[in-house]
Structures are given as structure tokens and as C-alpha cells.
Amino acid sequence: MKPNIRAQGLIEYVALVLIVLGAFIGMRIFLQRAFHERARETADTFGQGEQYEPGVTQITNER
């Protein structure tokens, strides 16, 4: 009976690893969106909320 107990323990560890990996894969999209939102907020801070538009945006060197 000892080999069965050992196999069951191995299966439990594999199931645990799969659950943890599944959670990370599921959270990936939320982490990616949060990262992109933070990058956008930072860019908006530097651009005063405006985006560059070729032919329309006027660039000035104000200091």
C-alpha cells in the first residue's frame, strides 16, 4: 500500500502546482492592464493630458 500513498502525494503536488499556475495565468490580463494604465497616467502627466497629433500639435520650448 505504500506505493499508492506515494503516488497520491505526487498527484496532490501536481494539482497544487497546476492551480497556482492557473491563478497566475488568470491574473496576467489584470496585471497587464494595471501596468498599461499606470504607464498611460505617467505619460499624461508629462503631456498635460494631450496627445501628439502630426500637423496639429504645436511644439514650443517653454522653460
PDB file of N, CA and C in Angstrom:
ATOM      1  N   MET A   1       0.806  -1.200   0.000  1.00  0.00           N
ATOM      2  CA  MET A   1       0.000   0.000   0.000  1.00  0.00           C
ATOM      3  C   MET A   1       0.851   1.266   0.000  1.00  0.00           C
ATOM      4  N   LYS A   2       2.099   1.194   0.366  1.00  0.00           N
ATOM      5  CA  LYS A   2       2.928   2.396   0.404  1.00  0.00           C
ATOM      6  C   LYS A   2       3.101   3.044  -0.968  1.00  0.00           C
ATOM      7  N   PRO A   3       3.266   2.299  -2.060  1.00  0.00           N
ATOM      8  CA  PRO A   3       3.406   2.959  -3.357  1.00  0.00           C
ATOM      9  C   PRO A   3       2.179   3.803  -3.719  1.00  0.00           C
ATOM     10  N   ASN A   4       0.983   3.384  -3.330  1.00  0.00           N
ATOM     11  CA  ASN A   4      -0.224   4.152  -3.638  1.00  0.00           C
ATOM     12  C   ASN A   4      -0.232   5.482  -2.889  1.00  0.00           C
ATOM     13  N   ILE A   5       0.206   5.484  -1.644  1.00  0.00           N
ATOM     14  CA  ILE A   5       0.253   6.711  -0.849  1.00  0.00           C
ATOM     15  C   ILE A   5       1.252   7.684  -1.474  1.00  0.00           C
ATOM     16  N   ARG A   6       2.361   7.162  -1.937  1.00  0.00           N
ATOM     17  CA  ARG A   6       3.379   7.997  -2.560  1.00  0.00           C
ATOM     18  C   ARG A   6       2.873   8.603  -3.873  1.00  0.00           C
ATOM     19  N   ALA A   7       2.171   7.810  -4.651  1.00  0.00           N
ATOM     20  CA  ALA A   7       1.616   8.307  -5.918  1.00  0.00           C
ATOM     21  C   ALA A   7       0.541   9.362  -5.654  1.00  0.00           C
ATOM     22  N   GLN A   8      -0.240   9.164  -4.615  1.00  0.00           N
ATOM     23  CA  GLN A   8      -1.286  10.131  -4.284  1.00  0.00           C
ATOM     24  C   GLN A   8      -0.662  11.466  -3.882  1.00  0.00           C
ATOM     25  N   GLY A   9       0.417  11.430  -3.126  1.00  0.00           N
ATOM     26  CA  GLY A   9       1.110  12.664  -2.738  1.00  0.00           C
ATOM     27  C   GLY A   9       1.651  13.405  -3.947  1.00  0.00           C
ATOM     28  N   LEU A  10       2.206  12.670  -4.897  1.00  0.00           N
ATOM     29  CA  LEU A  10       2.721  13.274  -6.117  1.00  0.00           C
ATOM     30  C   LEU A  10       1.593  13.927  -6.916  1.00  0.00           C
ATOM     31  N   ILE A  11       0.460  13.254  -7.022  1.00  0.00           N
ATOM     32  CA  ILE A  11      -0.683  13.805  -7.741  1.00  0.00           C
ATOM     33  C   ILE A  11      -1.192  15.065  -7.055  1.00  0.00           C
ATOM     34  N   GLU A  12      -1.195  15.087  -5.728  1.00  0.00           N
ATOM     35  CA  GLU A  12      -1.644  16.278  -5.000  1.00  0.00           C
ATOM     36  C   GLU A  12      -0.712  17.459  -5.248  1.00  0.00           C
ATOM     37  N   TYR A  13       0.596  17.233  -5.276  1.00  0.00           N
ATOM     38  CA  TYR A  13       1.552  18.306  -5.556  1.00  0.00           C
ATOM     39  C   TYR A  13       1.383  18.836  -6.973  1.00  0.00           C
ATOM     40  N   VAL A  14       1.181  17.944  -7.931  1.00  0.00           N
ATOM     41  CA  VAL A  14       0.985  18.364  -9.322  1.00  0.00           C
ATOM     42  C   VAL A  14      -0.294  19.187  -9.441  1.00  0.00           C
ATOM     43  N   ALA A  15      -1.357  18.752  -8.762  1.00  0.00           N
ATOM     44  CA  ALA A  15      -2.616  19.501  -8.797  1.00  0.00           C
ATOM     45  C   ALA A  15      -2.428  20.887  -8.181  1.00  0.00           C
ATOM     46  N   LEU A  16      -1.688  20.984  -7.087  1.00  0.00           N
ATOM     47  CA  LEU A  16      -1.438  22.270  -6.444  1.00  0.00           C
ATOM     48  C   LEU A  16      -0.663  23.205  -7.367  1.00  0.00           C
ATOM     49  N   VAL A  17       0.359  22.678  -8.034  1.00  0.00           N
ATOM     50  CA  VAL A  17       1.150  23.492  -8.965  1.00  0.00           C
ATOM     51  C   VAL A  17       0.288  23.967 -10.123  1.00  0.00           C
ATOM     52  N   LEU A  18      -0.565  23.114 -10.636  1.00  0.00           N
ATOM     53  CA  LEU A  18      -1.450  23.497 -11.739  1.00  0.00           C
ATOM     54  C   LEU A  18      -2.440  24.582 -11.316  1.00  0.00           C
ATOM     55  N   ILE A  19      -2.951  24.499 -10.100  1.00  0.00           N
ATOM     56  CA  ILE A  19      -3.880  25.517  -9.608  1.00  0.00           C
ATOM     57  C   ILE A  19      -3.177  26.858  -9.464  1.00  0.00           C
ATOM     58  N   VAL A  20      -1.963  26.850  -8.917  1.00  0.00           N
ATOM     59  CA  VAL A  20      -1.204  28.089  -8.750  1.00  0.00           C
ATOM     60  C   VAL A  20      -0.865  28.689 -10.120  1.00  0.00           C
ATOM     61  N   LEU A  21      -0.418  27.878 -11.052  1.00  0.00           N
ATOM     62  CA  LEU A  21      -0.119  28.373 -12.399  1.00  0.00           C
ATOM     63  C   LEU A  21      -1.371  28.912 -13.075  1.00  0.00           C
ATOM     64  N   GLY A  22      -2.485  28.244 -12.910  1.00  0.00           N
ATOM     65  CA  GLY A  22      -3.739  28.724 -13.478  1.00  0.00           C
ATOM     66  C   GLY A  22      -4.134  30.073 -12.905  1.00  0.00           C
ATOM     67  N   ALA A  23      -3.904  30.268 -11.616  1.00  0.00           N
ATOM     68  CA  ALA A  23      -4.220  31.554 -10.992  1.00  0.00           C
ATOM     69  C   ALA A  23      -3.335  32.658 -11.559  1.00  0.00           C
ATOM     70  N   PHE A  24      -2.046  32.390 -11.734  1.00  0.00           N
ATOM     71  CA  PHE A  24      -1.145  33.396 -12.302  1.00  0.00           C
ATOM     72  C   PHE A  24      -1.520  33.724 -13.750  1.00  0.00           C
ATOM     73  N   ILE A  25      -1.869  32.726 -14.514  1.00  0.00           N
ATOM     74  CA  ILE A  25      -2.259  32.954 -15.904  1.00  0.00           C
ATOM     75  C   ILE A  25      -3.565  33.752 -15.949  1.00  0.00           C
ATOM     76  N   GLY A  26      -4.485  33.452 -15.050  1.00  0.00           N
ATOM     77  CA  GLY A  26      -5.733  34.189 -14.990  1.00  0.00           C
ATOM     78  C   GLY A  26      -5.544  35.633 -14.563  1.00  0.00           C
ATOM     79  N   MET A  27      -4.579  35.902 -13.709  1.00  0.00           N
ATOM     80  CA  MET A  27      -4.320  37.258 -13.231  1.00  0.00           C
ATOM     81  C   MET A  27      -3.485  38.066 -14.216  1.00  0.00           C
ATOM     82  N   ARG A  28      -2.875  37.407 -15.181  1.00  0.00           N
ATOM     83  CA  ARG A  28      -1.969  38.080 -16.108  1.00  0.00           C
ATOM     84  C   ARG A  28      -2.633  39.258 -16.807  1.00  0.00           C
ATOM     85  N   ILE A  29      -3.857  39.073 -17.272  1.00  0.00           N
ATOM     86  CA  ILE A  29      -4.537  40.130 -18.009  1.00  0.00           C
ATOM     87  C   ILE A  29      -4.798  41.336 -17.105  1.00  0.00           C
ATOM     88  N   PHE A  30      -5.136  41.099 -15.837  1.00  0.00           N
ATOM     89  CA  PHE A  30      -5.390  42.202 -14.918  1.00  0.00           C
ATOM     90  C   PHE A  30      -4.102  42.947 -14.588  1.00  0.00           C
ATOM     91  N   LEU A  31      -3.021  42.215 -14.404  1.00  0.00           N
ATOM     92  CA  LEU A  31      -1.736  42.851 -14.134  1.00  0.00           C
ATOM     93  C   LEU A  31      -1.255  43.654 -15.339  1.00  0.00           C
ATOM     94  N   GLN A  32      -1.479  43.110 -16.519  1.00  0.00           N
ATOM     95  CA  GLN A  32      -1.066  43.799 -17.741  1.00  0.00           C
ATOM     96  C   GLN A  32      -1.862  45.097 -17.921  1.00  0.00           C
ATOM     97  N   ARG A  33      -3.161  45.041 -17.670  1.00  0.00           N
ATOM     98  CA  ARG A  33      -3.985  46.248 -17.784  1.00  0.00           C
ATOM     99  C   ARG A  33      -3.573  47.295 -16.757  1.00  0.00           C
ATOM    100  N   ALA A  34      -3.274  46.860 -15.534  1.00  0.00           N
ATOM    101  CA  ALA A  34      -2.853  47.796 -14.493  1.00  0.00           C
ATOM    102  C   ALA A  34      -1.534  48.454 -14.872  1.00  0.00           C
ATOM    103  N   PHE A  35      -0.618  47.694 -15.423  1.00  0.00           N
ATOM    104  CA  PHE A  35       0.672  48.244 -15.841  1.00  0.00           C
ATOM    105  C   PHE A  35       0.487  49.271 -16.958  1.00  0.00           C
ATOM    106  N   HIS A  36      -0.350  48.952 -17.937  1.00  0.00           N
ATOM    107  CA  HIS A  36      -0.569  49.875 -19.050  1.00  0.00           C
ATOM    108  C   HIS A  36      -1.279  51.140 -18.587  1.00  0.00           C
ATOM    109  N   GLU A  37      -2.212  51.012 -17.650  1.00  0.00           N
ATOM    110  CA  GLU A  37      -2.902  52.190 -17.121  1.00  0.00           C
ATOM    111  C   GLU A  37      -1.927  53.098 -16.385  1.00  0.00           C
ATOM    112  N   ARG A  38      -1.034  52.508 -15.620  1.00  0.00           N
ATOM    113  CA  ARG A  38      -0.036  53.298 -14.885  1.00  0.00           C
ATOM    114  C   ARG A  38       0.902  54.011 -15.863  1.00  0.00           C
ATOM    115  N   ALA A  39       1.304  53.326 -16.925  1.00  0.00           N
ATOM    116  CA  ALA A  39       2.165  53.952 -17.926  1.00  0.00           C
ATOM    117  C   ALA A  39       1.432  55.092 -18.619  1.00  0.00           C
ATOM    118  N   ARG A  40       0.145  54.916 -18.879  1.00  0.00           N
ATOM    119  CA  ARG A  40      -0.641  55.972 -19.523  1.00  0.00           C
ATOM    120  C   ARG A  40      -0.779  57.181 -18.598  1.00  0.00           C
ATOM    121  N   GLU A  41      -1.020  56.948 -17.323  1.00  0.00           N
ATOM    122  CA  GLU A  41      -1.127  58.053 -16.368  1.00  0.00           C
ATOM    123  C   GLU A  41       0.178  58.836 -16.303  1.00  0.00           C
ATOM    124  N   THR A  42       1.288  58.135 -16.327  1.00  0.00           N
ATOM    125  CA  THR A  42       2.593  58.794 -16.292  1.00  0.00           C
ATOM    126  C   THR A  42       2.806  59.621 -17.555  1.00  0.00           C
ATOM    127  N   ALA A  43       2.453  59.073 -18.698  1.00  0.00           N
ATOM    128  CA  ALA A  43       2.599  59.805 -19.964  1.00  0.00           C
ATOM    129  C   ALA A  43       1.686  61.022 -19.996  1.00  0.00           C
ATOM    130  N   ASP A  44       0.477  60.891 -19.469  1.00  0.00           N
ATOM    131  CA  ASP A  44      -0.440  62.033 -19.429  1.00  0.00           C
ATOM    132  C   ASP A  44       0.092  63.144 -18.535  1.00  0.00           C
ATOM    133  N   THR A  45       0.790  62.777 -17.493  1.00  0.00           N
ATOM    134  CA  THR A  45       1.375  63.781 -16.603  1.00  0.00           C
ATOM    135  C   THR A  45       2.404  64.610 -17.354  1.00  0.00           C
ATOM    136  N   PHE A  46       3.234  63.964 -18.155  1.00  0.00           N
ATOM    137  CA  PHE A  46       4.252  64.689 -18.914  1.00  0.00           C
ATOM    138  C   PHE A  46       3.643  65.487 -20.062  1.00  0.00           C
ATOM    139  N   GLY A  47       2.560  65.012 -20.650  1.00  0.00           N
ATOM    140  CA  GLY A  47       1.957  65.691 -21.795  1.00  0.00           C
ATOM    141  C   GLY A  47       0.780  66.559 -21.431  1.00  0.00           C
ATOM    142  N   GLN A  48       0.546  66.810 -20.169  1.00  0.00           N
ATOM    143  CA  GLN A  48      -0.595  67.591 -19.682  1.00  0.00           C
ATOM    144  C   GLN A  48      -1.917  67.056 -20.251  1.00  0.00           C
ATOM    145  N   GLY A  49      -2.010  65.749 -20.431  1.00  0.00           N
ATOM    146  CA  GLY A  49      -3.239  65.126 -20.901  1.00  0.00           C
ATOM    147  C   GLY A  49      -3.469  65.213 -22.392  1.00  0.00           C
ATOM    148  N   GLU A  50      -2.537  65.778 -23.128  1.00  0.00           N
ATOM    149  CA  GLU A  50      -2.700  65.926 -24.570  1.00  0.00           C
ATOM    150  C   GLU A  50      -1.863  64.884 -25.303  1.00  0.00           C
ATOM    151  N   GLN A  51      -2.336  64.513 -26.470  1.00  0.00           N
ATOM    152  CA  GLN A  51      -1.594  63.575 -27.293  1.00  0.00           C
ATOM    153  C   GLN A  51      -1.039  64.306 -28.512  1.00  0.00           C
ATOM    154  N   TYR A  52       0.070  63.798 -29.002  1.00  0.00           N
ATOM    155  CA  TYR A  52       0.687  64.376 -30.194  1.00  0.00           C
ATOM    156  C   TYR A  52      -0.130  64.018 -31.422  1.00  0.00           C
ATOM    157  N   GLU A  53      -0.427  65.009 -32.240  1.00  0.00           N
ATOM    158  CA  GLU A  53      -1.144  64.786 -33.489  1.00  0.00           C
ATOM    159  C   GLU A  53      -0.377  65.492 -34.589  1.00  0.00           C
ATOM    160  N   PRO A  54       0.197  64.748 -35.540  1.00  0.00           N
ATOM    161  CA  PRO A  54       1.003  65.356 -36.591  1.00  0.00           C
ATOM    162  C   PRO A  54       0.219  66.414 -37.374  1.00  0.00           C
ATOM    163  N   GLY A  55       0.846  67.567 -37.582  1.00  0.00           N
ATOM    164  CA  GLY A  55       0.224  68.634 -38.346  1.00  0.00           C
ATOM    165  C   GLY A  55      -0.670  69.547 -37.536  1.00  0.00           C
ATOM    166  N   VAL A  56      -1.028  69.145 -36.318  1.00  0.00           N
ATOM    167  CA  VAL A  56      -1.917  69.942 -35.491  1.00  0.00           C
ATOM    168  C   VAL A  56      -1.200  70.433 -34.233  1.00  0.00           C
ATOM    169  N   THR A  57      -0.437  69.553 -33.611  1.00  0.00           N
ATOM    170  CA  THR A  57       0.236  69.888 -32.369  1.00  0.00           C
ATOM    171  C   THR A  57       1.362  70.866 -32.621  1.00  0.00           C
ATOM    172  N   GLN A  58       1.402  71.929 -31.834  1.00  0.00           N
ATOM    173  CA  GLN A  58       2.473  72.905 -31.930  1.00  0.00           C
ATOM    174  C   GLN A  58       3.438  72.669 -30.773  1.00  0.00           C
ATOM    175  N   ILE A  59       4.705  72.504 -31.111  1.00  0.00           N
ATOM    176  CA  ILE A  59       5.719  72.238 -30.098  1.00  0.00           C
ATOM    177  C   ILE A  59       6.428  73.543 -29.771  1.00  0.00           C
ATOM    178  N   THR A  60       6.464  73.862 -28.495  1.00  0.00           N
ATOM    179  CA  THR A  60       7.171  75.073 -28.041  1.00  0.00           C
ATOM    180  C   THR A  60       8.155  74.681 -26.968  1.00  0.00           C
ATOM    181  N   ASN A  61       9.222  75.435 -26.847  1.00  0.00           N
ATOM    182  CA  ASN A  61      10.227  75.187 -25.823  1.00  0.00           C
ATOM    183  C   ASN A  61      10.060  76.205 -24.706  1.00  0.00           C
ATOM    184  N   GLU A  62       9.149  75.948 -23.818  1.00  0.00           N
ATOM    185  CA  GLU A  62       8.927  76.850 -22.689  1.00  0.00           C
ATOM    186  C   GLU A  62       9.702  76.318 -21.491  1.00  0.00           C
ATOM    187  N   ARG A  63      10.438  77.201 -20.850  1.00  0.00           N
ATOM    188  CA  ARG A  63      11.197  76.779 -19.668  1.00  0.00           C
ATOM    189  C   ARG A  63      10.970  77.701 -18.542  1.00  0.00           C
TER     190      ARG A  63
END
